[in-house]
Every structure is written in structure tokens, then in C-alpha cells.
Amino acid sequence: MFASPSRNMFRRSTFARKWRRAREIVGMPEGFRFYDLRYTGHTLPTQSGATLKDTMVWAGQ
């Protein structure tokens, strides 16, 4: 999702800055954490009729 120009991982402080900016651009609330994307990724398929097994396989569990 985020990569440095040299394709290395960001430092934590750099990632936080990039995440905050991306969150602002798309209009996510200030308290929305990066990890909340995981919860959303489980919730939406389940609400659409996917089984628990389906979402666990999709998530690699």
C-alpha cells in the first residue's frame, strides 16, 4: 500500500504521516486506524453473505 521510492519499508513515523495523509484524502475519520481495514475486510463479506469459513480462508487464517 505504501512504499518508499527505493521500495523499502517506511519507518514507523513515516508510515504514520503517510497513513494520516491518505486517510485525510479519502475522508476517513481521524480515529480510523490502519488495522481497522482488516476488520472492515472481514465485516463487509460477512454482511454480504460470506460464511465465517470463507472470510477466514480469505484472511489466511
PDB file of N, CA and C in Angstrom:
ATOM      1  N   MET A   1       0.818  -1.181   0.000  1.00  0.00           N
ATOM      2  CA  MET A   1       0.000   0.000   0.000  1.00  0.00           C
ATOM      3  C   MET A   1       0.866   1.250   0.000  1.00  0.00           C
ATOM      4  N   PHE A   2       1.876   1.274   0.831  1.00  0.00           N
ATOM      5  CA  PHE A   2       2.794   2.407   0.891  1.00  0.00           C
ATOM      6  C   PHE A   2       4.204   1.876   0.718  1.00  0.00           C
ATOM      7  N   ALA A   3       4.974   2.514  -0.137  1.00  0.00           N
ATOM      8  CA  ALA A   3       6.373   2.120  -0.310  1.00  0.00           C
ATOM      9  C   ALA A   3       7.206   3.374  -0.504  1.00  0.00           C
ATOM     10  N   SER A   4       8.445   3.270  -0.079  1.00  0.00           N
ATOM     11  CA  SER A   4       9.356   4.393  -0.277  1.00  0.00           C
ATOM     12  C   SER A   4       9.833   4.387  -1.723  1.00  0.00           C
ATOM     13  N   PRO A   5      10.435   5.476  -2.190  1.00  0.00           N
ATOM     14  CA  PRO A   5      10.939   5.494  -3.565  1.00  0.00           C
ATOM     15  C   PRO A   5      11.921   4.354  -3.855  1.00  0.00           C
ATOM     16  N   SER A   6      12.648   3.908  -2.827  1.00  0.00           N
ATOM     17  CA  SER A   6      13.592   2.800  -3.025  1.00  0.00           C
ATOM     18  C   SER A   6      12.941   1.440  -2.777  1.00  0.00           C
ATOM     19  N   ARG A   7      11.608   1.437  -2.622  1.00  0.00           N
ATOM     20  CA  ARG A   7      10.806   0.231  -2.406  1.00  0.00           C
ATOM     21  C   ARG A   7      11.098  -0.461  -1.077  1.00  0.00           C
ATOM     22  N   ASN A   8      11.624   0.271  -0.135  1.00  0.00           N
ATOM     23  CA  ASN A   8      11.848  -0.259   1.200  1.00  0.00           C
ATOM     24  C   ASN A   8      10.645   0.062   2.078  1.00  0.00           C
ATOM     25  N   MET A   9      10.573  -0.601   3.210  1.00  0.00           N
ATOM     26  CA  MET A   9       9.504  -0.310   4.158  1.00  0.00           C
ATOM     27  C   MET A   9       9.772   1.040   4.815  1.00  0.00           C
ATOM     28  N   PHE A  10       8.685   1.738   5.152  1.00  0.00           N
ATOM     29  CA  PHE A  10       8.804   3.012   5.843  1.00  0.00           C
ATOM     30  C   PHE A  10       9.156   2.794   7.304  1.00  0.00           C
ATOM     31  N   ARG A  11       9.782   3.787   7.903  1.00  0.00           N
ATOM     32  CA  ARG A  11       9.904   3.814   9.347  1.00  0.00           C
ATOM     33  C   ARG A  11       8.525   4.060   9.906  1.00  0.00           C
ATOM     34  N   ARG A  12       8.332   3.700  11.164  1.00  0.00           N
ATOM     35  CA  ARG A  12       7.016   3.853  11.791  1.00  0.00           C
ATOM     36  C   ARG A  12       6.519   5.299  11.718  1.00  0.00           C
ATOM     37  N   SER A  13       7.381   6.258  12.000  1.00  0.00           N
ATOM     38  CA  SER A  13       6.963   7.663  11.986  1.00  0.00           C
ATOM     39  C   SER A  13       6.583   8.117  10.578  1.00  0.00           C
ATOM     40  N   THR A  14       7.314   7.648   9.583  1.00  0.00           N
ATOM     41  CA  THR A  14       6.998   7.998   8.199  1.00  0.00           C
ATOM     42  C   THR A  14       5.676   7.366   7.785  1.00  0.00           C
ATOM     43  N   PHE A  15       5.473   6.108   8.165  1.00  0.00           N
ATOM     44  CA  PHE A  15       4.229   5.426   7.838  1.00  0.00           C
ATOM     45  C   PHE A  15       3.044   6.173   8.450  1.00  0.00           C
ATOM     46  N   ALA A  16       3.173   6.579   9.716  1.00  0.00           N
ATOM     47  CA  ALA A  16       2.080   7.296  10.385  1.00  0.00           C
ATOM     48  C   ALA A  16       1.725   8.568   9.631  1.00  0.00           C
ATOM     49  N   ARG A  17       2.728   9.287   9.173  1.00  0.00           N
ATOM     50  CA  ARG A  17       2.494  10.517   8.426  1.00  0.00           C
ATOM     51  C   ARG A  17       1.787  10.218   7.100  1.00  0.00           C
ATOM     52  N   LYS A  18       2.260   9.194   6.396  1.00  0.00           N
ATOM     53  CA  LYS A  18       1.651   8.817   5.109  1.00  0.00           C
ATOM     54  C   LYS A  18       0.223   8.318   5.307  1.00  0.00           C
ATOM     55  N   TRP A  19       0.000   7.507   6.355  1.00  0.00           N
ATOM     56  CA  TRP A  19      -1.333   6.992   6.628  1.00  0.00           C
ATOM     57  C   TRP A  19      -2.287   8.135   6.953  1.00  0.00           C
ATOM     58  N   ARG A  20      -1.852   9.088   7.777  1.00  0.00           N
ATOM     59  CA  ARG A  20      -2.685  10.229   8.142  1.00  0.00           C
ATOM     60  C   ARG A  20      -3.095  11.015   6.894  1.00  0.00           C
ATOM     61  N   ARG A  21      -2.145  11.242   6.008  1.00  0.00           N
ATOM     62  CA  ARG A  21      -2.420  11.992   4.772  1.00  0.00           C
ATOM     63  C   ARG A  21      -3.393  11.225   3.869  1.00  0.00           C
ATOM     64  N   ALA A  22      -3.173   9.919   3.710  1.00  0.00           N
ATOM     65  CA  ALA A  22      -4.065   9.110   2.875  1.00  0.00           C
ATOM     66  C   ALA A  22      -5.469   9.093   3.459  1.00  0.00           C
ATOM     67  N   ARG A  23      -5.564   8.995   4.775  1.00  0.00           N
ATOM     68  CA  ARG A  23      -6.853   8.992   5.458  1.00  0.00           C
ATOM     69  C   ARG A  23      -7.600  10.307   5.220  1.00  0.00           C
ATOM     70  N   GLU A  24      -6.871  11.407   5.265  1.00  0.00           N
ATOM     71  CA  GLU A  24      -7.474  12.719   5.015  1.00  0.00           C
ATOM     72  C   GLU A  24      -7.975  12.839   3.580  1.00  0.00           C
ATOM     73  N   ILE A  25      -7.193  12.351   2.631  1.00  0.00           N
ATOM     74  CA  ILE A  25      -7.545  12.456   1.211  1.00  0.00           C
ATOM     75  C   ILE A  25      -8.858  11.739   0.912  1.00  0.00           C
ATOM     76  N   VAL A  26      -9.043  10.555   1.482  1.00  0.00           N
ATOM     77  CA  VAL A  26     -10.263   9.787   1.184  1.00  0.00           C
ATOM     78  C   VAL A  26     -11.404  10.072   2.151  1.00  0.00           C
ATOM     79  N   GLY A  27     -11.164  10.911   3.153  1.00  0.00           N
ATOM     80  CA  GLY A  27     -12.235  11.323   4.051  1.00  0.00           C
ATOM     81  C   GLY A  27     -12.556  10.368   5.177  1.00  0.00           C
ATOM     82  N   MET A  28     -11.602   9.558   5.589  1.00  0.00           N
ATOM     83  CA  MET A  28     -11.825   8.667   6.730  1.00  0.00           C
ATOM     84  C   MET A  28     -11.762   9.475   8.025  1.00  0.00           C
ATOM     85  N   PRO A  29     -12.481   9.030   9.054  1.00  0.00           N
ATOM     86  CA  PRO A  29     -12.436   9.751  10.324  1.00  0.00           C
ATOM     87  C   PRO A  29     -11.041   9.734  10.947  1.00  0.00           C
ATOM     88  N   GLU A  30     -10.775  10.712  11.776  1.00  0.00           N
ATOM     89  CA  GLU A  30      -9.443  10.852  12.376  1.00  0.00           C
ATOM     90  C   GLU A  30      -9.039   9.628  13.197  1.00  0.00           C
ATOM     91  N   GLY A  31      -9.983   8.992  13.869  1.00  0.00           N
ATOM     92  CA  GLY A  31      -9.657   7.848  14.721  1.00  0.00           C
ATOM     93  C   GLY A  31      -9.541   6.523  13.989  1.00  0.00           C
ATOM     94  N   PHE A  32      -9.724   6.521  12.666  1.00  0.00           N
ATOM     95  CA  PHE A  32      -9.668   5.279  11.893  1.00  0.00           C
ATOM     96  C   PHE A  32      -8.216   4.821  11.788  1.00  0.00           C
ATOM     97  N   ARG A  33      -7.941   3.638  12.346  1.00  0.00           N
ATOM     98  CA  ARG A  33      -6.577   3.117  12.344  1.00  0.00           C
ATOM     99  C   ARG A  33      -6.338   2.233  11.116  1.00  0.00           C
ATOM    100  N   PHE A  34      -5.090   2.088  10.749  1.00  0.00           N
ATOM    101  CA  PHE A  34      -4.748   1.235   9.617  1.00  0.00           C
ATOM    102  C   PHE A  34      -5.277  -0.179   9.844  1.00  0.00           C
ATOM    103  N   TYR A  35      -5.155  -0.672  11.061  1.00  0.00           N
ATOM    104  CA  TYR A  35      -5.605  -2.033  11.363  1.00  0.00           C
ATOM    105  C   TYR A  35      -7.115  -2.183  11.221  1.00  0.00           C
ATOM    106  N   ASP A  36      -7.857  -1.083  11.307  1.00  0.00           N
ATOM    107  CA  ASP A  36      -9.306  -1.138  11.126  1.00  0.00           C
ATOM    108  C   ASP A  36      -9.679  -1.622   9.730  1.00  0.00           C
ATOM    109  N   LEU A  37      -8.773  -1.489   8.777  1.00  0.00           N
ATOM    110  CA  LEU A  37      -9.031  -2.005   7.427  1.00  0.00           C
ATOM    111  C   LEU A  37      -9.221  -3.515   7.455  1.00  0.00           C
ATOM    112  N   ARG A  38      -8.509  -4.191   8.350  1.00  0.00           N
ATOM    113  CA  ARG A  38      -8.645  -5.640   8.487  1.00  0.00           C
ATOM    114  C   ARG A  38     -10.060  -5.991   8.960  1.00  0.00           C
ATOM    115  N   TYR A  39     -10.531  -5.275   9.971  1.00  0.00           N
ATOM    116  CA  TYR A  39     -11.884  -5.528  10.464  1.00  0.00           C
ATOM    117  C   TYR A  39     -12.914  -5.281   9.372  1.00  0.00           C
ATOM    118  N   THR A  40     -12.734  -4.208   8.639  1.00  0.00           N
ATOM    119  CA  THR A  40     -13.646  -3.887   7.545  1.00  0.00           C
ATOM    120  C   THR A  40     -13.620  -4.994   6.494  1.00  0.00           C
ATOM    121  N   GLY A  41     -12.425  -5.506   6.216  1.00  0.00           N
ATOM    122  CA  GLY A  41     -12.271  -6.578   5.236  1.00  0.00           C
ATOM    123  C   GLY A  41     -12.944  -7.872   5.648  1.00  0.00           C
ATOM    124  N   HIS A  42     -13.167  -8.057   6.936  1.00  0.00           N
ATOM    125  CA  HIS A  42     -13.908  -9.229   7.413  1.00  0.00           C
ATOM    126  C   HIS A  42     -15.411  -8.943   7.471  1.00  0.00           C
ATOM    127  N   THR A  43     -15.760  -7.743   7.846  1.00  0.00           N
ATOM    128  CA  THR A  43     -17.163  -7.397   8.064  1.00  0.00           C
ATOM    129  C   THR A  43     -17.956  -7.326   6.760  1.00  0.00           C
ATOM    130  N   LEU A  44     -17.426  -6.651   5.756  1.00  0.00           N
ATOM    131  CA  LEU A  44     -18.182  -6.464   4.512  1.00  0.00           C
ATOM    132  C   LEU A  44     -18.548  -7.779   3.824  1.00  0.00           C
ATOM    133  N   PRO A  45     -17.613  -8.731   3.662  1.00  0.00           N
ATOM    134  CA  PRO A  45     -18.013 -10.003   3.039  1.00  0.00           C
ATOM    135  C   PRO A  45     -19.040 -10.768   3.887  1.00  0.00           C
ATOM    136  N   THR A  46     -18.890 -10.707   5.211  1.00  0.00           N
ATOM    137  CA  THR A  46     -19.828 -11.399   6.089  1.00  0.00           C
ATOM    138  C   THR A  46     -21.225 -10.810   5.946  1.00  0.00           C
ATOM    139  N   GLN A  47     -21.318  -9.492   5.874  1.00  0.00           N
ATOM    140  CA  GLN A  47     -22.614  -8.842   5.696  1.00  0.00           C
ATOM    141  C   GLN A  47     -23.216  -9.152   4.331  1.00  0.00           C
ATOM    142  N   SER A  48     -22.371  -9.517   3.377  1.00  0.00           N
ATOM    143  CA  SER A  48     -22.848  -9.828   2.023  1.00  0.00           C
ATOM    144  C   SER A  48     -23.174 -11.305   1.851  1.00  0.00           C
ATOM    145  N   GLY A  49     -23.042 -12.084   2.943  1.00  0.00           N
ATOM    146  CA  GLY A  49     -23.432 -13.484   2.871  1.00  0.00           C
ATOM    147  C   GLY A  49     -22.299 -14.486   2.912  1.00  0.00           C
ATOM    148  N   ALA A  50     -21.057 -14.042   2.987  1.00  0.00           N
ATOM    149  CA  ALA A  50     -19.939 -14.981   3.081  1.00  0.00           C
ATOM    150  C   ALA A  50     -19.981 -15.692   4.434  1.00  0.00           C
ATOM    151  N   THR A  51     -19.545 -16.918   4.453  1.00  0.00           N
ATOM    152  CA  THR A  51     -19.516 -17.668   5.706  1.00  0.00           C
ATOM    153  C   THR A  51     -18.264 -17.314   6.496  1.00  0.00           C
ATOM    154  N   LEU A  52     -18.262 -17.699   7.750  1.00  0.00           N
ATOM    155  CA  LEU A  52     -17.089 -17.488   8.586  1.00  0.00           C
ATOM    156  C   LEU A  52     -15.879 -18.187   7.965  1.00  0.00           C
ATOM    157  N   LYS A  53     -16.091 -19.403   7.463  1.00  0.00           N
ATOM    158  CA  LYS A  53     -15.005 -20.139   6.833  1.00  0.00           C
ATOM    159  C   LYS A  53     -14.456 -19.384   5.623  1.00  0.00           C
ATOM    160  N   ASP A  54     -15.352 -18.818   4.809  1.00  0.00           N
ATOM    161  CA  ASP A  54     -14.929 -18.042   3.635  1.00  0.00           C
ATOM    162  C   ASP A  54     -14.013 -16.892   4.042  1.00  0.00           C
ATOM    163  N   THR A  55     -14.450 -16.148   5.048  1.00  0.00           N
ATOM    164  CA  THR A  55     -13.648 -14.972   5.445  1.00  0.00           C
ATOM    165  C   THR A  55     -12.336 -15.406   6.096  1.00  0.00           C
ATOM    166  N   MET A  56     -12.332 -16.521   6.809  1.00  0.00           N
ATOM    167  CA  MET A  56     -11.087 -16.979   7.426  1.00  0.00           C
ATOM    168  C   MET A  56     -10.086 -17.438   6.358  1.00  0.00           C
ATOM    169  N   VAL A  57     -10.571 -18.107   5.328  1.00  0.00           N
ATOM    170  CA  VAL A  57      -9.692 -18.542   4.235  1.00  0.00           C
ATOM    171  C   VAL A  57      -9.147 -17.321   3.516  1.00  0.00           C
ATOM    172  N   TRP A  58     -10.013 -16.354   3.250  1.00  0.00           N
ATOM    173  CA  TRP A  58      -9.603 -15.126   2.563  1.00  0.00           C
ATOM    174  C   TRP A  58      -8.535 -14.388   3.359  1.00  0.00           C
ATOM    175  N   ALA A  59      -8.656 -14.397   4.693  1.00  0.00           N
ATOM    176  CA  ALA A  59      -7.718 -13.684   5.547  1.00  0.00           C
ATOM    177  C   ALA A  59      -6.455 -14.477   5.832  1.00  0.00           C
ATOM    178  N   GLY A  60      -6.407 -15.699   5.371  1.00  0.00           N
ATOM    179  CA  GLY A  60      -5.215 -16.527   5.573  1.00  0.00           C
ATOM    180  C   GLY A  60      -5.138 -17.148   6.951  1.00  0.00           C
ATOM    181  N   GLN A  61      -6.280 -17.384   7.555  1.00  0.00           N
ATOM    182  CA  GLN A  61      -6.281 -17.984   8.899  1.00  0.00           C
ATOM    183  C   GLN A  61      -6.566 -19.452   8.822  1.00  0.00           C
TER     184      GLN A  61
END
